[in-house]
Structure formats: C-alpha cells, structure tokens
Amino acid sequence: MNMVVTTADPSDEALAARAAAGDDLAFETIVERYQRRIFRLASRLTSDTEAADVLQETFLQIYRHLSSF
C-alpha cells in the first residue's frame, strides 16, 4: 500500500522570513499568492491602469521592508 503524503503550503510568516533571508522563490510565492487579490482591491479603488501601478508599488514596498516583518 502506497501512502501519499502532501505537505501544506508554507505560512506567510515562513515565506517572509525566507524571502528576507534572500530566498527569491519564497518572495515569488508571496507575489503569486496575493497578486490577484491586491489587483482586484486596487481596481475597485482606482482604475485598472492605475491598479497595475498600485500592485507593483505594493510588492516593491513589501520587498523593501521584509526584514521588519
């Protein structure tokens, strides 16, 4: 009998710690996890063209401040 063991997705906290330590894949995972939600929110608050800028600026700020998370 074969057992398939799946691992849970890492928490946001674990990903942020890894990203702060220089793990680009961890930061990419954060971006993939939240980009649609942030874009939808930004689209409701601004226009679609401005939402793309808001999305980019949001992730730039997150990246810059990972060490303080």
PDB file of N, CA and C in Angstrom:
ATOM      1  N   MET A   1       0.833  -1.167   0.000  1.00  0.00           N
ATOM      2  CA  MET A   1       0.000   0.000   0.000  1.00  0.00           C
ATOM      3  C   MET A   1       0.888   1.244   0.000  1.00  0.00           C
ATOM      4  N   ASN A   2       0.681   2.112  -0.959  1.00  0.00           N
ATOM      5  CA  ASN A   2       1.433   3.359  -1.058  1.00  0.00           C
ATOM      6  C   ASN A   2       0.673   4.465  -0.362  1.00  0.00           C
ATOM      7  N   MET A   3       1.365   5.216   0.454  1.00  0.00           N
ATOM      8  CA  MET A   3       0.763   6.385   1.093  1.00  0.00           C
ATOM      9  C   MET A   3       1.329   7.631   0.452  1.00  0.00           C
ATOM     10  N   VAL A   4       0.446   8.527   0.078  1.00  0.00           N
ATOM     11  CA  VAL A   4       0.871   9.796  -0.475  1.00  0.00           C
ATOM     12  C   VAL A   4       0.799  10.812   0.644  1.00  0.00           C
ATOM     13  N   VAL A   5       1.914  11.421   0.907  1.00  0.00           N
ATOM     14  CA  VAL A   5       1.980  12.435   1.941  1.00  0.00           C
ATOM     15  C   VAL A   5       2.147  13.780   1.262  1.00  0.00           C
ATOM     16  N   THR A   6       1.223  14.671   1.533  1.00  0.00           N
ATOM     17  CA  THR A   6       1.335  16.007   0.963  1.00  0.00           C
ATOM     18  C   THR A   6       1.743  16.969   2.065  1.00  0.00           C
ATOM     19  N   THR A   7       2.500  17.951   1.678  1.00  0.00           N
ATOM     20  CA  THR A   7       2.908  18.961   2.646  1.00  0.00           C
ATOM     21  C   THR A   7       2.038  20.188   2.455  1.00  0.00           C
ATOM     22  N   ALA A   8       1.716  20.828   3.533  1.00  0.00           N
ATOM     23  CA  ALA A   8       0.925  22.049   3.474  1.00  0.00           C
ATOM     24  C   ALA A   8       1.771  23.182   2.904  1.00  0.00           C
ATOM     25  N   ASP A   9       1.085  24.121   2.329  1.00  0.00           N
ATOM     26  CA  ASP A   9       1.796  25.300   1.842  1.00  0.00           C
ATOM     27  C   ASP A   9       2.428  26.021   3.028  1.00  0.00           C
ATOM     28  N   PRO A  10       3.600  26.589   2.814  1.00  0.00           N
ATOM     29  CA  PRO A  10       4.239  27.316   3.924  1.00  0.00           C
ATOM     30  C   PRO A  10       3.417  28.548   4.299  1.00  0.00           C
ATOM     31  N   SER A  11       3.469  28.924   5.554  1.00  0.00           N
ATOM     32  CA  SER A  11       2.734  30.100   6.024  1.00  0.00           C
ATOM     33  C   SER A  11       3.351  31.368   5.430  1.00  0.00           C
ATOM     34  N   ASP A  12       2.575  32.419   5.478  1.00  0.00           N
ATOM     35  CA  ASP A  12       3.084  33.715   5.014  1.00  0.00           C
ATOM     36  C   ASP A  12       4.291  34.139   5.835  1.00  0.00           C
ATOM     37  N   GLU A  13       4.234  33.867   7.136  1.00  0.00           N
ATOM     38  CA  GLU A  13       5.342  34.233   8.020  1.00  0.00           C
ATOM     39  C   GLU A  13       6.623  33.498   7.630  1.00  0.00           C
ATOM     40  N   ALA A  14       6.491  32.196   7.334  1.00  0.00           N
ATOM     41  CA  ALA A  14       7.660  31.410   6.933  1.00  0.00           C
ATOM     42  C   ALA A  14       8.211  31.906   5.599  1.00  0.00           C
ATOM     43  N   LEU A  15       7.316  32.204   4.681  1.00  0.00           N
ATOM     44  CA  LEU A  15       7.760  32.723   3.378  1.00  0.00           C
ATOM     45  C   LEU A  15       8.449  34.072   3.530  1.00  0.00           C
ATOM     46  N   ALA A  16       7.898  34.946   4.371  1.00  0.00           N
ATOM     47  CA  ALA A  16       8.501  36.264   4.568  1.00  0.00           C
ATOM     48  C   ALA A  16       9.892  36.139   5.186  1.00  0.00           C
ATOM     49  N   ALA A  17      10.041  35.230   6.142  1.00  0.00           N
ATOM     50  CA  ALA A  17      11.352  35.025   6.764  1.00  0.00           C
ATOM     51  C   ALA A  17      12.353  34.513   5.742  1.00  0.00           C
ATOM     52  N   ARG A  18      11.924  33.568   4.923  1.00  0.00           N
ATOM     53  CA  ARG A  18      12.823  33.036   3.884  1.00  0.00           C
ATOM     54  C   ARG A  18      13.164  34.109   2.864  1.00  0.00           C
ATOM     55  N   ALA A  19      12.162  34.900   2.465  1.00  0.00           N
ATOM     56  CA  ALA A  19      12.405  35.965   1.488  1.00  0.00           C
ATOM     57  C   ALA A  19      13.357  37.008   2.062  1.00  0.00           C
ATOM     58  N   ALA A  20      13.192  37.352   3.333  1.00  0.00           N
ATOM     59  CA  ALA A  20      14.084  38.324   3.979  1.00  0.00           C
ATOM     60  C   ALA A  20      15.511  37.807   4.034  1.00  0.00           C
ATOM     61  N   ALA A  21      15.661  36.473   4.058  1.00  0.00           N
ATOM     62  CA  ALA A  21      16.993  35.866   4.088  1.00  0.00           C
ATOM     63  C   ALA A  21      17.571  35.703   2.681  1.00  0.00           C
ATOM     64  N   GLY A  22      16.837  36.191   1.667  1.00  0.00           N
ATOM     65  CA  GLY A  22      17.357  36.158   0.307  1.00  0.00           C
ATOM     66  C   GLY A  22      16.771  35.100  -0.605  1.00  0.00           C
ATOM     67  N   ASP A  23      15.745  34.391  -0.156  1.00  0.00           N
ATOM     68  CA  ASP A  23      15.119  33.340  -0.968  1.00  0.00           C
ATOM     69  C   ASP A  23      14.124  33.974  -1.937  1.00  0.00           C
ATOM     70  N   ASP A  24      14.552  34.166  -3.190  1.00  0.00           N
ATOM     71  CA  ASP A  24      13.700  34.796  -4.191  1.00  0.00           C
ATOM     72  C   ASP A  24      12.466  33.969  -4.507  1.00  0.00           C
ATOM     73  N   LEU A  25      12.576  32.658  -4.453  1.00  0.00           N
ATOM     74  CA  LEU A  25      11.430  31.789  -4.715  1.00  0.00           C
ATOM     75  C   LEU A  25      10.344  31.993  -3.657  1.00  0.00           C
ATOM     76  N   ALA A  26      10.733  32.227  -2.428  1.00  0.00           N
ATOM     77  CA  ALA A  26       9.766  32.487  -1.361  1.00  0.00           C
ATOM     78  C   ALA A  26       9.009  33.783  -1.638  1.00  0.00           C
ATOM     79  N   PHE A  27       9.727  34.820  -2.066  1.00  0.00           N
ATOM     80  CA  PHE A  27       9.052  36.082  -2.383  1.00  0.00           C
ATOM     81  C   PHE A  27       8.134  35.899  -3.580  1.00  0.00           C
ATOM     82  N   GLU A  28       8.564  35.157  -4.561  1.00  0.00           N
ATOM     83  CA  GLU A  28       7.726  34.878  -5.730  1.00  0.00           C
ATOM     84  C   GLU A  28       6.435  34.174  -5.310  1.00  0.00           C
ATOM     85  N   THR A  29       6.531  33.282  -4.345  1.00  0.00           N
ATOM     86  CA  THR A  29       5.359  32.582  -3.848  1.00  0.00           C
ATOM     87  C   THR A  29       4.396  33.561  -3.180  1.00  0.00           C
ATOM     88  N   ILE A  30       4.925  34.511  -2.424  1.00  0.00           N
ATOM     89  CA  ILE A  30       4.084  35.541  -1.806  1.00  0.00           C
ATOM     90  C   ILE A  30       3.360  36.342  -2.887  1.00  0.00           C
ATOM     91  N   VAL A  31       4.098  36.748  -3.905  1.00  0.00           N
ATOM     92  CA  VAL A  31       3.505  37.522  -5.001  1.00  0.00           C
ATOM     93  C   VAL A  31       2.389  36.721  -5.657  1.00  0.00           C
ATOM     94  N   GLU A  32       2.663  35.472  -6.003  1.00  0.00           N
ATOM     95  CA  GLU A  32       1.652  34.645  -6.654  1.00  0.00           C
ATOM     96  C   GLU A  32       0.426  34.450  -5.768  1.00  0.00           C
ATOM     97  N   ARG A  33       0.643  34.355  -4.476  1.00  0.00           N
ATOM     98  CA  ARG A  33      -0.443  34.119  -3.526  1.00  0.00           C
ATOM     99  C   ARG A  33      -1.382  35.321  -3.418  1.00  0.00           C
ATOM    100  N   TYR A  34      -0.846  36.530  -3.538  1.00  0.00           N
ATOM    101  CA  TYR A  34      -1.642  37.723  -3.245  1.00  0.00           C
ATOM    102  C   TYR A  34      -1.879  38.677  -4.406  1.00  0.00           C
ATOM    103  N   GLN A  35      -1.236  38.486  -5.544  1.00  0.00           N
ATOM    104  CA  GLN A  35      -1.333  39.493  -6.594  1.00  0.00           C
ATOM    105  C   GLN A  35      -2.754  39.696  -7.118  1.00  0.00           C
ATOM    106  N   ARG A  36      -3.532  38.641  -7.269  1.00  0.00           N
ATOM    107  CA  ARG A  36      -4.898  38.798  -7.779  1.00  0.00           C
ATOM    108  C   ARG A  36      -5.769  39.580  -6.800  1.00  0.00           C
ATOM    109  N   ARG A  37      -5.641  39.255  -5.521  1.00  0.00           N
ATOM    110  CA  ARG A  37      -6.455  39.948  -4.512  1.00  0.00           C
ATOM    111  C   ARG A  37      -6.114  41.433  -4.440  1.00  0.00           C
ATOM    112  N   ILE A  38      -4.829  41.723  -4.449  1.00  0.00           N
ATOM    113  CA  ILE A  38      -4.408  43.119  -4.367  1.00  0.00           C
ATOM    114  C   ILE A  38      -4.838  43.869  -5.615  1.00  0.00           C
ATOM    115  N   PHE A  39      -4.716  43.238  -6.772  1.00  0.00           N
ATOM    116  CA  PHE A  39      -5.124  43.892  -8.013  1.00  0.00           C
ATOM    117  C   PHE A  39      -6.626  44.179  -8.010  1.00  0.00           C
ATOM    118  N   ARG A  40      -7.428  43.212  -7.554  1.00  0.00           N
ATOM    119  CA  ARG A  40      -8.883  43.428  -7.512  1.00  0.00           C
ATOM    120  C   ARG A  40      -9.237  44.580  -6.575  1.00  0.00           C
ATOM    121  N   LEU A  41      -8.604  44.613  -5.423  1.00  0.00           N
ATOM    122  CA  LEU A  41      -8.858  45.704  -4.481  1.00  0.00           C
ATOM    123  C   LEU A  41      -8.438  47.039  -5.083  1.00  0.00           C
ATOM    124  N   ALA A  42      -7.260  47.089  -5.662  1.00  0.00           N
ATOM    125  CA  ALA A  42      -6.769  48.326  -6.272  1.00  0.00           C
ATOM    126  C   ALA A  42      -7.665  48.757  -7.428  1.00  0.00           C
ATOM    127  N   SER A  43      -8.209  47.801  -8.176  1.00  0.00           N
ATOM    128  CA  SER A  43      -9.112  48.129  -9.285  1.00  0.00           C
ATOM    129  C   SER A  43     -10.401  48.757  -8.784  1.00  0.00           C
ATOM    130  N   ARG A  44     -10.879  48.290  -7.629  1.00  0.00           N
ATOM    131  CA  ARG A  44     -12.098  48.872  -7.062  1.00  0.00           C
ATOM    132  C   ARG A  44     -11.850  50.287  -6.551  1.00  0.00           C
ATOM    133  N   LEU A  45     -10.637  50.543  -6.095  1.00  0.00           N
ATOM    134  CA  LEU A  45     -10.324  51.851  -5.529  1.00  0.00           C
ATOM    135  C   LEU A  45      -9.824  52.854  -6.566  1.00  0.00           C
ATOM    136  N   THR A  46      -9.306  52.349  -7.687  1.00  0.00           N
ATOM    137  CA  THR A  46      -8.753  53.209  -8.744  1.00  0.00           C
ATOM    138  C   THR A  46      -9.251  52.686 -10.082  1.00  0.00           C
ATOM    139  N   SER A  47      -8.530  52.989 -11.143  1.00  0.00           N
ATOM    140  CA  SER A  47      -8.832  52.427 -12.458  1.00  0.00           C
ATOM    141  C   SER A  47      -7.942  51.207 -12.690  1.00  0.00           C
ATOM    142  N   ASP A  48      -8.265  50.412 -13.705  1.00  0.00           N
ATOM    143  CA  ASP A  48      -7.445  49.232 -14.000  1.00  0.00           C
ATOM    144  C   ASP A  48      -6.007  49.604 -14.329  1.00  0.00           C
ATOM    145  N   THR A  49      -5.807  50.704 -15.038  1.00  0.00           N
ATOM    146  CA  THR A  49      -4.431  51.083 -15.380  1.00  0.00           C
ATOM    147  C   THR A  49      -3.664  51.526 -14.138  1.00  0.00           C
ATOM    148  N   GLU A  50      -4.326  52.230 -13.251  1.00  0.00           N
ATOM    149  CA  GLU A  50      -3.666  52.635 -12.010  1.00  0.00           C
ATOM    150  C   GLU A  50      -3.486  51.440 -11.079  1.00  0.00           C
ATOM    151  N   ALA A  51      -4.377  50.479 -11.150  1.00  0.00           N
ATOM    152  CA  ALA A  51      -4.294  49.291 -10.287  1.00  0.00           C
ATOM    153  C   ALA A  51      -3.001  48.522 -10.536  1.00  0.00           C
ATOM    154  N   ALA A  52      -2.566  48.469 -11.773  1.00  0.00           N
ATOM    155  CA  ALA A  52      -1.308  47.783 -12.083  1.00  0.00           C
ATOM    156  C   ALA A  52      -0.131  48.477 -11.400  1.00  0.00           C
ATOM    157  N   ASP A  53      -0.163  49.808 -11.389  1.00  0.00           N
ATOM    158  CA  ASP A  53       0.895  50.564 -10.704  1.00  0.00           C
ATOM    159  C   ASP A  53       0.830  50.351  -9.197  1.00  0.00           C
ATOM    160  N   VAL A  54      -0.372  50.336  -8.657  1.00  0.00           N
ATOM    161  CA  VAL A  54      -0.560  50.098  -7.224  1.00  0.00           C
ATOM    162  C   VAL A  54      -0.030  48.717  -6.860  1.00  0.00           C
ATOM    163  N   LEU A  55      -0.337  47.742  -7.674  1.00  0.00           N
ATOM    164  CA  LEU A  55       0.131  46.374  -7.442  1.00  0.00           C
ATOM    165  C   LEU A  55       1.657  46.321  -7.409  1.00  0.00           C
ATOM    166  N   GLN A  56       2.281  46.920  -8.398  1.00  0.00           N
ATOM    167  CA  GLN A  56       3.745  46.924  -8.460  1.00  0.00           C
ATOM    168  C   GLN A  56       4.347  47.636  -7.255  1.00  0.00           C
ATOM    169  N   GLU A  57       3.808  48.794  -6.918  1.00  0.00           N
ATOM    170  CA  GLU A  57       4.334  49.556  -5.787  1.00  0.00           C
ATOM    171  C   GLU A  57       4.131  48.810  -4.471  1.00  0.00           C
ATOM    172  N   THR A  58       3.015  48.114  -4.344  1.00  0.00           N
ATOM    173  CA  THR A  58       2.741  47.337  -3.135  1.00  0.00           C
ATOM    174  C   THR A  58       3.816  46.285  -2.921  1.00  0.00           C
ATOM    175  N   PHE A  59       4.110  45.521  -3.969  1.00  0.00           N
ATOM    176  CA  PHE A  59       5.108  44.462  -3.823  1.00  0.00           C
ATOM    177  C   PHE A  59       6.528  45.009  -3.690  1.00  0.00           C
ATOM    178  N   LEU A  60       6.798  46.153  -4.273  1.00  0.00           N
ATOM    179  CA  LEU A  60       8.107  46.783  -4.049  1.00  0.00           C
ATOM    180  C   LEU A  60       8.268  47.181  -2.584  1.00  0.00           C
ATOM    181  N   GLN A  61       7.218  47.737  -2.008  1.00  0.00           N
ATOM    182  CA  GLN A  61       7.280  48.125  -0.594  1.00  0.00           C
ATOM    183  C   GLN A  61       7.404  46.905   0.312  1.00  0.00           C
ATOM    184  N   ILE A  62       6.674  45.855  -0.018  1.00  0.00           N
ATOM    185  CA  ILE A  62       6.787  44.618   0.762  1.00  0.00           C
ATOM    186  C   ILE A  62       8.228  44.111   0.709  1.00  0.00           C
ATOM    187  N   TYR A  63       8.794  44.058  -0.473  1.00  0.00           N
ATOM    188  CA  TYR A  63      10.164  43.560  -0.644  1.00  0.00           C
ATOM    189  C   TYR A  63      11.162  44.396   0.148  1.00  0.00           C
ATOM    190  N   ARG A  64      10.985  45.713   0.081  1.00  0.00           N
ATOM    191  CA  ARG A  64      11.912  46.614   0.776  1.00  0.00           C
ATOM    192  C   ARG A  64      11.852  46.473   2.292  1.00  0.00           C
ATOM    193  N   HIS A  65      10.701  46.068   2.806  1.00  0.00           N
ATOM    194  CA  HIS A  65      10.509  46.034   4.251  1.00  0.00           C
ATOM    195  C   HIS A  65      10.372  44.615   4.826  1.00  0.00           C
ATOM    196  N   LEU A  66      10.806  43.623   4.073  1.00  0.00           N
ATOM    197  CA  LEU A  66      10.714  42.237   4.556  1.00  0.00           C
ATOM    198  C   LEU A  66      11.434  42.031   5.875  1.00  0.00           C
ATOM    199  N   SER A  67      12.552  42.693   6.037  1.00  0.00           N
ATOM    200  CA  SER A  67      13.342  42.467   7.257  1.00  0.00           C
ATOM    201  C   SER A  67      12.628  42.945   8.514  1.00  0.00           C
ATOM    202  N   SER A  68      11.658  43.839   8.375  1.00  0.00           N
ATOM    203  CA  SER A  68      10.936  44.330   9.552  1.00  0.00           C
ATOM    204  C   SER A  68       9.631  43.579   9.786  1.00  0.00           C
ATOM    205  N   PHE A  69       9.362  42.592   8.975  1.00  0.00           N
ATOM    206  CA  PHE A  69       8.108  41.840   9.121  1.00  0.00           C
ATOM    207  C   PHE A  69       8.123  41.004  10.371  1.00  0.00           C
TER     208      PHE A  69
END
